[in-house]
């Protein structure tokens, strides 16, 4: 597997990265970030790319040609201008989808905060009747 991993410097992405580095089925991982990082792992190449910039995404996809795209980048908390959050979360996802190689697997993950205030959350069993 050749994996493009967005959000690899965030909480979920870094946890997934840790597991992918140990997985023998993974040939190489390309971590995408707006900021340039140096990799300390031979199996990881850090790519500088802005997901909100379609040309940047296009260049990254031509460089990598991933078999799997794991998309964890985005704003988890609404702070600042709503238009910037939409630009990052929605447009960034759209750009990745537009240039995803045909036949590649696309996994989009979000954050627990999409469910709201977890302090007042009541869990349920999926087998419970409605």
C-alpha atoms as a PDB file:
ATOM      1  CA  UNK A   1       0.000   0.000   0.000  1.00  0.00           C
ATOM      2  CA  UNK A   2       1.118   3.520  -0.760  1.00  0.00           C
ATOM      3  CA  UNK A   3      -0.676   5.844   1.618  1.00  0.00           C
ATOM      4  CA  UNK A   4      -1.324   9.568   1.496  1.00  0.00           C
ATOM      5  CA  UNK A   5      -2.074  10.638   5.069  1.00  0.00           C
ATOM      6  CA  UNK A   6      -3.443  14.130   5.681  1.00  0.00           C
ATOM      7  CA  UNK A   7      -3.506  15.448   9.220  1.00  0.00           C
ATOM      8  CA  UNK A   8      -0.649  13.182  10.291  1.00  0.00           C
ATOM      9  CA  UNK A   9       0.588  15.774  12.796  1.00  0.00           C
ATOM     10  CA  UNK A  10      -2.774  15.918  14.586  1.00  0.00           C
ATOM     11  CA  UNK A  11      -4.078  13.589  17.286  1.00  0.00           C
ATOM     12  CA  UNK A  12      -5.864  10.987  15.154  1.00  0.00           C
ATOM     13  CA  UNK A  13      -3.408  11.156  12.277  1.00  0.00           C
ATOM     14  CA  UNK A  14      -0.380  10.676  14.514  1.00  0.00           C
ATOM     15  CA  UNK A  15      -2.000   7.663  16.206  1.00  0.00           C
ATOM     16  CA  UNK A  16      -2.802   6.084  12.830  1.00  0.00           C
ATOM     17  CA  UNK A  17       0.700   6.896  11.574  1.00  0.00           C
ATOM     18  CA  UNK A  18       2.201   5.009  14.504  1.00  0.00           C
ATOM     19  CA  UNK A  19       0.298   1.861  13.498  1.00  0.00           C
ATOM     20  CA  UNK A  20       0.971   2.254   9.770  1.00  0.00           C
ATOM     21  CA  UNK A  21       4.716   2.474  10.365  1.00  0.00           C
ATOM     22  CA  UNK A  22       4.595  -0.999  11.953  1.00  0.00           C
ATOM     23  CA  UNK A  23       2.388  -2.548   9.240  1.00  0.00           C
ATOM     24  CA  UNK A  24       4.401  -4.679   6.797  1.00  0.00           C
ATOM     25  CA  UNK A  25       1.701  -4.269   4.125  1.00  0.00           C
ATOM     26  CA  UNK A  26       2.440  -0.539   3.939  1.00  0.00           C
ATOM     27  CA  UNK A  27       5.117   0.170   1.366  1.00  0.00           C
ATOM     28  CA  UNK A  28       5.337   3.914   1.999  1.00  0.00           C
ATOM     29  CA  UNK A  29       3.454   6.745   3.718  1.00  0.00           C
ATOM     30  CA  UNK A  30       3.292  10.303   2.451  1.00  0.00           C
ATOM     31  CA  UNK A  31       2.261  12.680   5.211  1.00  0.00           C
ATOM     32  CA  UNK A  32       0.669  15.904   3.986  1.00  0.00           C
ATOM     33  CA  UNK A  33       0.897  19.112   5.987  1.00  0.00           C
ATOM     34  CA  UNK A  34       0.780  22.834   5.267  1.00  0.00           C
ATOM     35  CA  UNK A  35       4.110  23.112   7.056  1.00  0.00           C
ATOM     36  CA  UNK A  36       7.308  21.369   6.024  1.00  0.00           C
ATOM     37  CA  UNK A  37       8.421  18.656   8.446  1.00  0.00           C
ATOM     38  CA  UNK A  38      11.400  16.330   8.426  1.00  0.00           C
ATOM     39  CA  UNK A  39      10.745  12.614   8.764  1.00  0.00           C
ATOM     40  CA  UNK A  40      12.576  10.471  11.263  1.00  0.00           C
ATOM     41  CA  UNK A  41      11.220   7.284   9.669  1.00  0.00           C
ATOM     42  CA  UNK A  42      12.452   5.740   6.403  1.00  0.00           C
ATOM     43  CA  UNK A  43       8.898   4.673   5.537  1.00  0.00           C
ATOM     44  CA  UNK A  44       7.514   8.256   5.831  1.00  0.00           C
ATOM     45  CA  UNK A  45       7.977  11.155   3.435  1.00  0.00           C
ATOM     46  CA  UNK A  46       6.642  14.494   4.608  1.00  0.00           C
ATOM     47  CA  UNK A  47       5.022  16.555   1.858  1.00  0.00           C
ATOM     48  CA  UNK A  48       4.260  20.233   2.147  1.00  0.00           C
ATOM     49  CA  UNK A  49       0.843  20.847   0.576  1.00  0.00           C
ATOM     50  CA  UNK A  50      -2.131  23.074   1.273  1.00  0.00           C
ATOM     51  CA  UNK A  51      -5.350  21.102   0.793  1.00  0.00           C
ATOM     52  CA  UNK A  52      -7.274  24.324   0.154  1.00  0.00           C
ATOM     53  CA  UNK A  53      -5.057  25.019  -2.885  1.00  0.00           C
ATOM     54  CA  UNK A  54      -6.152  22.804  -5.779  1.00  0.00           C
ATOM     55  CA  UNK A  55      -2.802  23.127  -7.576  1.00  0.00           C
ATOM     56  CA  UNK A  56      -0.967  22.051  -4.433  1.00  0.00           C
ATOM     57  CA  UNK A  57      -3.188  18.966  -4.106  1.00  0.00           C
ATOM     58  CA  UNK A  58      -2.842  18.159  -7.797  1.00  0.00           C
ATOM     59  CA  UNK A  59       0.963  18.317  -7.528  1.00  0.00           C
ATOM     60  CA  UNK A  60       0.966  16.090  -4.430  1.00  0.00           C
ATOM     61  CA  UNK A  61      -1.251  13.481  -6.107  1.00  0.00           C
ATOM     62  CA  UNK A  62       0.942  13.429  -9.231  1.00  0.00           C
ATOM     63  CA  UNK A  63       4.004  12.993  -7.027  1.00  0.00           C
ATOM     64  CA  UNK A  64       2.581  10.219  -4.864  1.00  0.00           C
ATOM     65  CA  UNK A  65      -0.130   8.258  -6.771  1.00  0.00           C
ATOM     66  CA  UNK A  66      -1.472   6.644  -3.575  1.00  0.00           C
ATOM     67  CA  UNK A  67      -3.413   3.416  -3.353  1.00  0.00           C
ATOM     68  CA  UNK A  68      -5.045   4.659  -0.139  1.00  0.00           C
ATOM     69  CA  UNK A  69      -5.907   8.172   1.047  1.00  0.00           C
ATOM     70  CA  UNK A  70      -6.507   8.619   4.764  1.00  0.00           C
ATOM     71  CA  UNK A  71      -7.909  12.100   5.314  1.00  0.00           C
ATOM     72  CA  UNK A  72      -7.756  13.338   8.903  1.00  0.00           C
ATOM     73  CA  UNK A  73      -6.897  17.020   8.311  1.00  0.00           C
ATOM     74  CA  UNK A  74      -9.317  19.736   9.313  1.00  0.00           C
ATOM     75  CA  UNK A  75     -10.566  21.988  12.059  1.00  0.00           C
ATOM     76  CA  UNK A  76     -12.102  20.089  14.966  1.00  0.00           C
ATOM     77  CA  UNK A  77     -13.259  23.163  16.885  1.00  0.00           C
ATOM     78  CA  UNK A  78     -15.070  26.173  15.443  1.00  0.00           C
ATOM     79  CA  UNK A  79     -12.828  29.145  16.135  1.00  0.00           C
ATOM     80  CA  UNK A  80     -12.413  32.157  13.898  1.00  0.00           C
ATOM     81  CA  UNK A  81     -14.115  32.773  10.594  1.00  0.00           C
ATOM     82  CA  UNK A  82     -16.660  30.119   9.561  1.00  0.00           C
ATOM     83  CA  UNK A  83     -15.631  30.591   5.913  1.00  0.00           C
ATOM     84  CA  UNK A  84     -12.071  29.506   6.785  1.00  0.00           C
ATOM     85  CA  UNK A  85     -13.372  26.368   8.496  1.00  0.00           C
ATOM     86  CA  UNK A  86     -15.519  25.517   5.461  1.00  0.00           C
ATOM     87  CA  UNK A  87     -12.558  26.211   3.182  1.00  0.00           C
ATOM     88  CA  UNK A  88     -10.309  23.844   5.136  1.00  0.00           C
ATOM     89  CA  UNK A  89     -12.766  21.087   6.003  1.00  0.00           C
ATOM     90  CA  UNK A  90     -14.993  21.014   2.919  1.00  0.00           C
ATOM     91  CA  UNK A  91     -12.871  22.382   0.098  1.00  0.00           C
ATOM     92  CA  UNK A  92      -9.790  20.467   1.268  1.00  0.00           C
ATOM     93  CA  UNK A  93     -11.770  17.220   1.181  1.00  0.00           C
ATOM     94  CA  UNK A  94     -13.211  18.069  -2.235  1.00  0.00           C
ATOM     95  CA  UNK A  95      -9.730  18.696  -3.661  1.00  0.00           C
ATOM     96  CA  UNK A  96      -8.447  15.364  -2.391  1.00  0.00           C
ATOM     97  CA  UNK A  97     -11.447  13.584  -3.898  1.00  0.00           C
ATOM     98  CA  UNK A  98     -11.070  15.367  -7.230  1.00  0.00           C
ATOM     99  CA  UNK A  99      -7.468  14.219  -7.657  1.00  0.00           C
ATOM    100  CA  UNK A 100      -7.691  10.837  -5.970  1.00  0.00           C
ATOM    101  CA  UNK A 101      -6.378   8.229  -8.408  1.00  0.00           C
ATOM    102  CA  UNK A 102      -9.069   6.029  -9.915  1.00  0.00           C
ATOM    103  CA  UNK A 103      -9.417   2.850  -7.875  1.00  0.00           C
ATOM    104  CA  UNK A 104      -7.753   4.279  -4.767  1.00  0.00           C
ATOM    105  CA  UNK A 105      -9.408   3.852  -1.373  1.00  0.00           C
ATOM    106  CA  UNK A 106     -10.526   7.047   0.390  1.00  0.00           C
ATOM    107  CA  UNK A 107     -11.083   7.109   4.136  1.00  0.00           C
ATOM    108  CA  UNK A 108     -12.405  10.261   5.755  1.00  0.00           C
ATOM    109  CA  UNK A 109     -12.334  10.472   9.529  1.00  0.00           C
ATOM    110  CA  UNK A 110     -13.655  13.162  11.770  1.00  0.00           C
ATOM    111  CA  UNK A 111     -13.389  14.097  15.411  1.00  0.00           C
ATOM    112  CA  UNK A 112     -15.529  13.193  18.389  1.00  0.00           C
ATOM    113  CA  UNK A 113     -16.412  16.886  18.724  1.00  0.00           C
ATOM    114  CA  UNK A 114     -18.839  16.573  15.801  1.00  0.00           C
ATOM    115  CA  UNK A 115     -21.186  14.913  18.276  1.00  0.00           C
ATOM    116  CA  UNK A 116     -21.264  17.981  20.502  1.00  0.00           C
ATOM    117  CA  UNK A 117     -20.909  18.116  24.270  1.00  0.00           C
ATOM    118  CA  UNK A 118     -19.817  14.639  25.332  1.00  0.00           C
ATOM    119  CA  UNK A 119     -20.339  15.447  29.017  1.00  0.00           C
ATOM    120  CA  UNK A 120     -24.111  15.050  28.591  1.00  0.00           C
ATOM    121  CA  UNK A 121     -23.924  12.101  26.195  1.00  0.00           C
ATOM    122  CA  UNK A 122     -25.932   8.981  26.967  1.00  0.00           C
ATOM    123  CA  UNK A 123     -24.634   5.890  25.221  1.00  0.00           C
ATOM    124  CA  UNK A 124     -26.925   3.281  23.769  1.00  0.00           C
ATOM    125  CA  UNK A 125     -26.651  -0.287  22.608  1.00  0.00           C
ATOM    126  CA  UNK A 126     -27.160  -0.631  18.858  1.00  0.00           C
ATOM    127  CA  UNK A 127     -29.339  -3.651  19.532  1.00  0.00           C
ATOM    128  CA  UNK A 128     -31.783  -1.593  21.637  1.00  0.00           C
ATOM    129  CA  UNK A 129     -35.165  -0.986  20.052  1.00  0.00           C
ATOM    130  CA  UNK A 130     -35.926   2.589  19.100  1.00  0.00           C
END
